[in-house]
Amino acid sequence: MGSAEDMGLDRITRNPEVMGGKPCLRGMRVTVGTIVGLVASGHSTADILAAYPYLEEEDIRQSLAYAAWRVEEIEVPLPT
C-alpha cells in the first residue's frame, strides 16, 4: 500500500515530537484517534468542529479514511 500521503491523506502528519509520533491532523496536537473516538461516540461533524474550531470538515474525513486504511493493513511478523 503506500504512505498516508500516497493515499491522498495529506492532512495526516506524524512527528515524534508531537503527541509521541501518533498520527495527527496538520501537525497540530489533535490525533486521528481523538477524532475517530468522537465520531464513534456519536458526535457529529458539527459537534467536533464546534469543539475544535481550528479543524475543518476535511480533517474529520481524512481521519476516518486513515483509520479505515490502517485497519485493513496486514502485519507480517518478522522471524526472531
C-alpha atoms as a PDB file:
ATOM      1  CA  MET A   1       0.000   0.000   0.000  1.00  0.00           C
ATOM      2  CA  GLY A   2       1.957   3.281   0.401  1.00  0.00           C
ATOM      3  CA  SER A   3       2.023   6.107   2.830  1.00  0.00           C
ATOM      4  CA  ALA A   4      -0.908   8.191   4.004  1.00  0.00           C
ATOM      5  CA  GLU A   5       0.172  10.932   1.636  1.00  0.00           C
ATOM      6  CA  ASP A   6       0.248   8.441  -1.245  1.00  0.00           C
ATOM      7  CA  MET A   7      -3.368   7.646  -0.345  1.00  0.00           C
ATOM      8  CA  GLY A   8      -4.312  11.333  -0.703  1.00  0.00           C
ATOM      9  CA  LEU A   9      -4.381  11.827   3.064  1.00  0.00           C
ATOM     10  CA  ASP A  10      -2.181  14.902   3.086  1.00  0.00           C
ATOM     11  CA  ARG A  11      -3.609  16.269   6.337  1.00  0.00           C
ATOM     12  CA  ILE A  12      -2.370  13.318   8.379  1.00  0.00           C
ATOM     13  CA  THR A  13       1.064  14.002   9.835  1.00  0.00           C
ATOM     14  CA  ARG A  14       3.420  12.100  12.114  1.00  0.00           C
ATOM     15  CA  ASN A  15       6.189  13.768  14.070  1.00  0.00           C
ATOM     16  CA  PRO A  16       7.963  12.103  17.004  1.00  0.00           C
ATOM     17  CA  GLU A  17       7.947  15.475  18.788  1.00  0.00           C
ATOM     18  CA  VAL A  18       4.174  15.952  18.500  1.00  0.00           C
ATOM     19  CA  MET A  19       1.923  13.672  20.568  1.00  0.00           C
ATOM     20  CA  GLY A  20       4.605  10.999  20.710  1.00  0.00           C
ATOM     21  CA  GLY A  21       4.525  10.420  16.962  1.00  0.00           C
ATOM     22  CA  LYS A  22       0.854   9.465  16.817  1.00  0.00           C
ATOM     23  CA  PRO A  23      -0.946  10.377  13.596  1.00  0.00           C
ATOM     24  CA  CYS A  24      -2.181  13.953  13.963  1.00  0.00           C
ATOM     25  CA  LEU A  25      -4.012  16.491  11.881  1.00  0.00           C
ATOM     26  CA  ARG A  26      -1.833  19.027  10.065  1.00  0.00           C
ATOM     27  CA  GLY A  27       0.898  18.900  12.700  1.00  0.00           C
ATOM     28  CA  MET A  28      -1.474  20.018  15.456  1.00  0.00           C
ATOM     29  CA  ARG A  29      -1.921  18.280  18.782  1.00  0.00           C
ATOM     30  CA  VAL A  30      -5.165  16.660  17.674  1.00  0.00           C
ATOM     31  CA  THR A  31      -4.775  12.961  16.978  1.00  0.00           C
ATOM     32  CA  VAL A  32      -6.619  10.867  14.452  1.00  0.00           C
ATOM     33  CA  GLY A  33      -7.607   8.649  17.395  1.00  0.00           C
ATOM     34  CA  THR A  34      -9.287  11.571  19.145  1.00  0.00           C
ATOM     35  CA  ILE A  35     -11.390  12.370  16.093  1.00  0.00           C
ATOM     36  CA  VAL A  36     -12.291   8.735  15.403  1.00  0.00           C
ATOM     37  CA  GLY A  37     -13.229   8.293  19.075  1.00  0.00           C
ATOM     38  CA  LEU A  38     -15.506  11.325  18.976  1.00  0.00           C
ATOM     39  CA  VAL A  39     -17.259  10.062  15.838  1.00  0.00           C
ATOM     40  CA  ALA A  40     -17.611   6.595  17.388  1.00  0.00           C
ATOM     41  CA  SER A  41     -19.173   8.184  20.482  1.00  0.00           C
ATOM     42  CA  GLY A  42     -21.889   9.714  18.330  1.00  0.00           C
ATOM     43  CA  HIS A  43     -20.574  13.252  17.954  1.00  0.00           C
ATOM     44  CA  SER A  44     -21.495  14.885  14.668  1.00  0.00           C
ATOM     45  CA  THR A  45     -19.125  16.751  12.405  1.00  0.00           C
ATOM     46  CA  ALA A  46     -20.742  19.985  13.603  1.00  0.00           C
ATOM     47  CA  ASP A  47     -20.112  19.000  17.250  1.00  0.00           C
ATOM     48  CA  ILE A  48     -16.449  18.275  16.553  1.00  0.00           C
ATOM     49  CA  LEU A  49     -15.913  21.478  14.592  1.00  0.00           C
ATOM     50  CA  ALA A  50     -17.543  23.469  17.415  1.00  0.00           C
ATOM     51  CA  ALA A  51     -15.223  21.841  19.980  1.00  0.00           C
ATOM     52  CA  TYR A  52     -12.152  22.244  17.752  1.00  0.00           C
ATOM     53  CA  PRO A  53     -12.805  25.419  15.725  1.00  0.00           C
ATOM     54  CA  TYR A  54      -9.351  25.266  14.100  1.00  0.00           C
ATOM     55  CA  LEU A  55     -10.259  21.981  12.383  1.00  0.00           C
ATOM     56  CA  GLU A  56     -12.032  21.656   9.060  1.00  0.00           C
ATOM     57  CA  GLU A  57     -14.518  19.119   7.775  1.00  0.00           C
ATOM     58  CA  GLU A  58     -11.811  17.609   5.535  1.00  0.00           C
ATOM     59  CA  ASP A  59      -9.721  16.887   8.657  1.00  0.00           C
ATOM     60  CA  ILE A  60     -12.510  14.687  10.006  1.00  0.00           C
ATOM     61  CA  ARG A  61     -12.988  12.923   6.686  1.00  0.00           C
ATOM     62  CA  GLN A  62      -9.288  12.185   6.346  1.00  0.00           C
ATOM     63  CA  SER A  63      -9.096  10.955   9.955  1.00  0.00           C
ATOM     64  CA  LEU A  64     -11.797   8.389   9.248  1.00  0.00           C
ATOM     65  CA  ALA A  65     -10.216   7.398   5.928  1.00  0.00           C
ATOM     66  CA  TYR A  66      -6.819   6.990   7.615  1.00  0.00           C
ATOM     67  CA  ALA A  67      -8.289   4.812  10.371  1.00  0.00           C
ATOM     68  CA  ALA A  68     -10.068   2.621   7.819  1.00  0.00           C
ATOM     69  CA  TRP A  69      -6.852   2.275   5.791  1.00  0.00           C
ATOM     70  CA  ARG A  70      -4.798   1.301   8.844  1.00  0.00           C
ATOM     71  CA  VAL A  71      -7.309  -1.308   9.971  1.00  0.00           C
ATOM     72  CA  GLU A  72      -7.020  -3.023   6.593  1.00  0.00           C
ATOM     73  CA  GLU A  73      -3.232  -3.312   6.750  1.00  0.00           C
ATOM     74  CA  ILE A  74      -1.795  -6.741   7.427  1.00  0.00           C
ATOM     75  CA  GLU A  75       1.059  -7.079   9.870  1.00  0.00           C
ATOM     76  CA  VAL A  76       3.665  -9.619   8.888  1.00  0.00           C
ATOM     77  CA  PRO A  77       5.656 -10.954  11.828  1.00  0.00           C
ATOM     78  CA  LEU A  78       9.395 -10.986  11.393  1.00  0.00           C
ATOM     79  CA  PRO A  79      11.251 -14.173  12.272  1.00  0.00           C
ATOM     80  CA  THR A  80      13.153 -13.954  15.539  1.00  0.00           C
END
